[in-house]
């Protein structure tokens, strides 16, 4: 194939890829957040380096939630006030995320004010390591992903493929195209791996001889970043789940309960 023919083919595939990405990013009908976060409390609780998990409502979100068997389909990193405000905006951008069709971008926290969210916080990182993790993400703002691998995009148009549960995660890593790496959790996983912070490492146990006794010693192996999904930060034993309403203290005795059933619900 000549250079001109290859360029023409690449441009054609890129146009199709961008059209598919736009369709996958369209909101699904009927999404209604069950317990959206208290936005003001969320702003007060988040710290740089925290991972914010989001229950997305886009078409691609439905596929990711099904394939990963999880509520969470998207992840963003809170980086604090270290970024300048984009031109023409009044609210600072404190999140960095990866979106299909856009690549690595910043976003205001209010973008997810009406979504179901969860905060996953790394534990034990020094201030320098937190800056390194958030700096890793900031350095990749503007990173674009190649959308010419149509196979990597078409898989998300089948939100409930008839495959066994144990194979569904593998469908996210099939192929070699950039849309696989464009899953938001992949870049965040790379950021934590850059400071050797574990998410869900491959743990192998070996026996180490100490005198006449055998001692167990664990060796952690870093998984490839493309294999991580938003759910993994929730499942990880190394990330603390933060409940914003409980951080500053919670007294159930201060709640005021109404009498009778809630409106629209008949008593049994």
Protein backbone atom coordinates (compact mmCIF):
# COMPACT_ATOMS: atom_id res chain seq x y z
CA UNK A 1 0.00 0.00 0.00
CA UNK A 2 1.34 3.39 -0.94
CA UNK A 3 1.82 6.15 1.64
CA UNK A 4 -1.05 8.14 0.14
CA UNK A 5 -3.39 5.15 0.22
CA UNK A 6 -2.47 4.36 3.83
CA UNK A 7 -3.07 7.96 4.91
CA UNK A 8 -6.45 7.95 3.14
CA UNK A 9 -7.44 4.68 4.84
CA UNK A 10 -6.31 5.93 8.26
CA UNK A 11 -8.30 9.14 7.84
CA UNK A 12 -11.40 7.16 6.83
CA UNK A 13 -11.11 4.82 9.82
CA UNK A 14 -10.51 7.77 12.13
CA UNK A 15 -13.72 9.44 10.95
CA UNK A 16 -15.69 6.25 11.57
CA UNK A 17 -14.03 5.82 14.96
CA UNK A 18 -14.97 9.33 16.05
CA UNK A 19 -18.55 8.80 14.92
CA UNK A 20 -18.74 5.57 16.93
CA UNK A 21 -17.20 7.30 19.96
CA UNK A 22 -19.85 10.04 19.83
CA UNK A 23 -22.62 7.43 19.78
CA UNK A 24 -21.09 5.56 22.70
CA UNK A 25 -20.90 8.78 24.71
CA UNK A 26 -24.61 9.55 24.32
CA UNK A 27 -26.58 9.41 27.59
CA UNK A 28 -28.72 6.35 28.20
CA UNK A 29 -32.42 6.96 28.65
CA UNK A 30 -33.91 6.59 32.11
CA UNK A 31 -30.78 7.10 34.24
CA UNK A 32 -31.73 8.29 37.72
CA UNK A 33 -29.04 8.47 40.45
CA UNK A 34 -30.25 6.66 43.57
CA UNK A 35 -28.03 8.39 46.12
CA UNK A 36 -26.20 11.32 44.50
CA UNK A 37 -23.43 12.89 46.56
CA UNK A 38 -23.81 16.01 48.67
CA UNK A 39 -21.74 18.28 46.47
CA UNK A 40 -20.56 20.68 49.19
CA UNK A 41 -19.50 17.82 51.46
CA UNK A 42 -17.77 16.10 48.55
CA UNK A 43 -15.72 19.25 47.86
CA UNK A 44 -14.63 19.45 51.51
CA UNK A 45 -13.59 15.81 51.80
CA UNK A 46 -11.62 15.15 48.61
CA UNK A 47 -7.81 15.25 48.77
CA UNK A 48 -5.24 15.31 45.95
CA UNK A 49 -4.62 11.78 44.74
CA UNK A 50 -8.11 10.52 45.61
CA UNK A 51 -9.85 8.44 42.96
CA UNK A 52 -13.46 9.41 42.32
CA UNK A 53 -15.53 6.52 40.97
CA UNK A 54 -18.64 7.43 39.00
CA UNK A 55 -21.70 5.49 37.97
CA UNK A 56 -21.86 6.76 34.41
CA UNK A 57 -25.00 7.07 32.32
CA UNK A 58 -23.53 6.90 28.82
CA UNK A 59 -23.95 3.96 26.47
CA UNK A 60 -20.35 2.89 26.97
CA UNK A 61 -20.93 3.04 30.74
CA UNK A 62 -23.60 0.35 30.50
CA UNK A 63 -21.18 -1.96 28.70
CA UNK A 64 -18.35 -1.38 31.20
CA UNK A 65 -20.66 -1.94 34.17
CA UNK A 66 -21.83 -5.22 32.67
CA UNK A 67 -18.39 -6.47 31.67
CA UNK A 68 -16.88 -5.64 35.07
CA UNK A 69 -19.97 -6.64 37.11
CA UNK A 70 -19.81 -3.35 38.96
CA UNK A 71 -21.76 -0.18 39.67
CA UNK A 72 -18.76 1.94 38.67
CA UNK A 73 -18.06 2.64 35.02
CA UNK A 74 -15.80 5.70 35.19
CA UNK A 75 -12.97 7.04 37.31
CA UNK A 76 -11.31 10.42 37.66
CA UNK A 77 -8.47 11.68 39.84
CA UNK A 78 -8.86 14.65 42.14
CA UNK A 79 -5.75 16.83 41.80
CA UNK A 80 -6.76 19.83 43.92
CA UNK A 81 -6.06 23.44 43.05
CA UNK A 82 -2.84 22.87 41.15
CA UNK A 83 -4.24 23.65 37.71
CA UNK A 84 -5.08 27.07 36.25
CA UNK A 85 -8.69 27.75 35.32
CA UNK A 86 -9.38 27.07 31.64
CA UNK A 87 -10.18 30.18 29.64
CA UNK A 88 -13.80 31.23 29.81
CA UNK A 89 -14.64 29.20 32.93
CA UNK A 90 -15.38 30.42 36.45
CA UNK A 91 -15.13 27.10 38.28
CA UNK A 92 -11.65 25.60 38.72
CA UNK A 93 -10.93 22.22 37.18
CA UNK A 94 -9.91 19.83 39.97
CA UNK A 95 -10.41 16.52 38.21
CA UNK A 96 -8.39 14.81 35.50
CA UNK A 97 -10.01 12.01 33.55
CA UNK A 98 -9.82 10.11 30.29
CA UNK A 99 -12.86 10.14 28.03
CA UNK A 100 -13.40 8.13 24.89
CA UNK A 101 -13.04 10.43 21.90
CA UNK A 102 -11.49 13.25 23.97
CA UNK A 103 -8.45 11.67 25.58
CA UNK A 104 -7.01 13.06 28.81
CA UNK A 105 -8.86 16.20 29.93
CA UNK A 106 -9.55 18.24 33.06
CA UNK A 107 -13.03 18.81 34.46
CA UNK A 108 -14.78 20.72 37.25
CA UNK A 109 -16.01 18.71 40.19
CA UNK A 110 -19.56 19.94 39.58
CA UNK A 111 -19.65 17.77 36.46
CA UNK A 112 -20.51 14.83 38.70
CA UNK A 113 -22.60 16.63 41.31
CA UNK A 114 -25.70 14.65 40.30
CA UNK A 115 -24.06 11.26 39.88
CA UNK A 116 -23.60 8.35 42.24
CA UNK A 117 -19.95 8.52 43.29
CA UNK A 118 -17.45 6.88 45.62
CA UNK A 119 -14.14 8.18 46.95
CA UNK A 120 -11.22 5.72 47.04
CA UNK A 121 -8.19 7.07 48.88
CA UNK A 122 -4.62 5.71 48.75
CA UNK A 123 -3.16 5.29 52.23
CA UNK A 124 0.38 6.00 53.38
CA UNK A 125 1.62 8.10 50.48
CA UNK A 126 3.94 10.96 51.37
CA UNK A 127 3.11 14.50 50.17
CA UNK A 128 5.88 14.13 47.57
CA UNK A 129 4.36 10.88 46.28
CA UNK A 130 0.91 12.43 46.08
CA UNK A 131 2.36 15.29 44.04
CA UNK A 132 4.10 12.76 41.80
CA UNK A 133 0.83 10.88 41.20
CA UNK A 134 -1.19 14.02 40.42
CA UNK A 135 1.69 15.42 38.38
CA UNK A 136 1.73 12.23 36.31
CA UNK A 137 -1.88 12.86 35.36
CA UNK A 138 -1.42 16.60 34.75
CA UNK A 139 1.54 15.95 32.46
CA UNK A 140 -0.71 13.89 30.20
CA UNK A 141 -3.44 16.47 29.70
CA UNK A 142 -4.18 16.74 26.01
CA UNK A 143 -3.13 13.16 25.31
CA UNK A 144 -5.23 11.82 22.45
CA UNK A 145 -6.05 8.23 21.59
CA UNK A 146 -6.11 6.60 18.20
CA UNK A 147 -9.67 5.64 17.24
CA UNK A 148 -8.86 3.74 14.07
CA UNK A 149 -9.20 0.30 15.68
CA UNK A 150 -12.89 -0.17 14.96
CA UNK A 151 -12.96 -3.58 16.69
CA UNK A 152 -12.03 -1.96 20.02
CA UNK A 153 -15.03 0.36 19.72
CA UNK A 154 -17.63 -2.05 18.34
CA UNK A 155 -17.40 -4.31 21.40
CA UNK A 156 -19.10 -1.61 23.51
CA UNK A 157 -22.19 -1.64 21.29
CA UNK A 158 -23.03 -5.08 22.69
CA UNK A 159 -23.58 -4.21 26.38
CA UNK A 160 -24.55 -7.76 27.38
CA UNK A 161 -22.44 -10.19 25.32
CA UNK A 162 -23.32 -13.87 25.94
CA UNK A 163 -19.99 -14.83 27.51
CA UNK A 164 -19.20 -16.40 30.92
CA UNK A 165 -18.53 -14.00 33.79
CA UNK A 166 -14.88 -15.06 34.07
CA UNK A 167 -14.23 -13.94 30.47
CA UNK A 168 -15.98 -10.57 30.54
CA UNK A 169 -13.06 -8.59 31.94
CA UNK A 170 -10.85 -10.04 29.21
CA UNK A 171 -13.10 -8.49 26.60
CA UNK A 172 -11.85 -5.08 27.75
CA UNK A 173 -8.28 -6.03 26.84
CA UNK A 174 -8.96 -7.76 23.52
CA UNK A 175 -7.21 -6.23 20.56
CA UNK A 176 -4.35 -3.77 20.61
CA UNK A 177 -6.03 -0.49 19.83
CA UNK A 178 -5.92 2.71 21.86
CA UNK A 179 -9.64 2.67 22.80
CA UNK A 180 -8.75 -0.16 25.20
CA UNK A 181 -6.19 2.07 26.91
CA UNK A 182 -8.62 4.97 26.82
CA UNK A 183 -10.62 3.40 29.64
CA UNK A 184 -10.27 5.96 32.40
CA UNK A 185 -8.85 3.60 35.03
CA UNK A 186 -5.89 2.61 32.85
CA UNK A 187 -4.08 5.96 33.06
CA UNK A 188 -4.88 6.31 36.78
CA UNK A 189 -3.38 2.87 37.36
CA UNK A 190 -0.22 3.98 35.57
CA UNK A 191 -0.03 7.04 37.83
CA UNK A 192 -0.02 4.92 40.98
CA UNK A 193 2.35 2.37 39.48
CA UNK A 194 4.80 5.22 38.84
CA UNK A 195 5.29 5.49 42.63
CA UNK A 196 4.91 1.71 43.12
CA UNK A 197 1.61 1.96 44.96
CA UNK A 198 -0.43 -1.29 44.79
CA UNK A 199 -3.96 -1.55 43.46
CA UNK A 200 -4.66 -5.25 42.94
CA UNK A 201 -1.19 -6.73 42.51
CA UNK A 202 -0.51 -10.30 41.52
CA UNK A 203 0.63 -11.75 44.85
CA UNK A 204 2.92 -14.78 44.78
CA UNK A 205 3.92 -16.57 47.96
CA UNK A 206 7.35 -18.16 48.29
CA UNK A 207 8.98 -20.02 51.13
CA UNK A 208 12.02 -18.46 52.70
CA UNK A 209 14.16 -20.61 55.00
CA UNK A 210 14.94 -19.09 58.38
CA UNK A 211 16.96 -21.53 60.42
CA UNK A 212 15.04 -24.80 60.43
CA UNK A 213 11.64 -23.22 59.81
CA UNK A 214 10.00 -22.01 56.64
CA UNK A 215 8.65 -18.49 56.57
CA UNK A 216 6.11 -17.23 54.09
CA UNK A 217 7.10 -14.20 52.06
CA UNK A 218 4.90 -12.40 49.58
CA UNK A 219 6.20 -10.85 46.40
CA UNK A 220 3.99 -8.30 44.64
CA UNK A 221 3.96 -8.25 40.85
CA UNK A 222 2.51 -5.22 39.08
CA UNK A 223 -0.34 -6.06 36.71
CA UNK A 224 -0.38 -4.38 33.33
CA UNK A 225 -2.22 -1.06 33.57
CA UNK A 226 -4.60 -1.90 30.71
CA UNK A 227 -6.17 -4.64 32.83
CA UNK A 228 -7.46 -2.30 35.54
CA UNK A 229 -11.08 -1.18 35.68
CA UNK A 230 -12.84 1.40 37.89
CA UNK A 231 -14.14 -1.41 40.10
CA UNK A 232 -10.59 -2.40 41.09
CA UNK A 233 -10.04 0.75 43.15
CA UNK A 234 -13.18 -0.11 45.12
CA UNK A 235 -12.09 -3.73 45.64
CA UNK A 236 -8.46 -2.92 46.40
CA UNK A 237 -7.40 -3.57 50.02
CA UNK A 238 -4.98 -0.65 49.67
CA UNK A 239 -7.56 2.08 48.98
CA UNK A 240 -9.76 3.41 51.75
CA UNK A 241 -13.41 4.02 50.86
CA UNK A 242 -14.38 7.45 52.16
CA UNK A 243 -17.99 8.19 53.09
CA UNK A 244 -18.28 12.01 52.99
CA UNK A 245 -21.21 12.18 55.42
CA UNK A 246 -19.26 10.24 58.06
CA UNK A 247 -15.94 12.11 57.89
CA UNK A 248 -16.92 14.96 60.19
CA UNK A 249 -18.98 12.80 62.51
CA UNK A 250 -22.46 11.35 62.26
CA UNK A 251 -25.10 11.07 64.97
CA UNK A 252 -28.14 9.02 63.93
CA UNK A 253 -30.07 10.40 66.93
CA UNK A 254 -30.18 13.83 65.28
CA UNK A 255 -32.19 12.57 62.31
CA UNK A 256 -35.84 13.56 62.14
CA UNK A 257 -38.04 10.77 60.86
CA UNK A 258 -41.46 11.39 59.38
CA UNK A 259 -44.47 9.41 60.50
CA UNK A 260 -46.01 6.89 58.13
CA UNK A 261 -44.75 5.64 54.77
CA UNK A 262 -42.95 7.82 52.28
CA UNK A 263 -45.10 9.63 49.67
CA UNK A 264 -46.13 7.27 46.90
CA UNK A 265 -45.53 4.15 48.98
CA UNK A 266 -48.53 2.38 50.48
CA UNK A 267 -48.28 0.76 53.88
CA UNK A 268 -48.25 -3.08 53.89
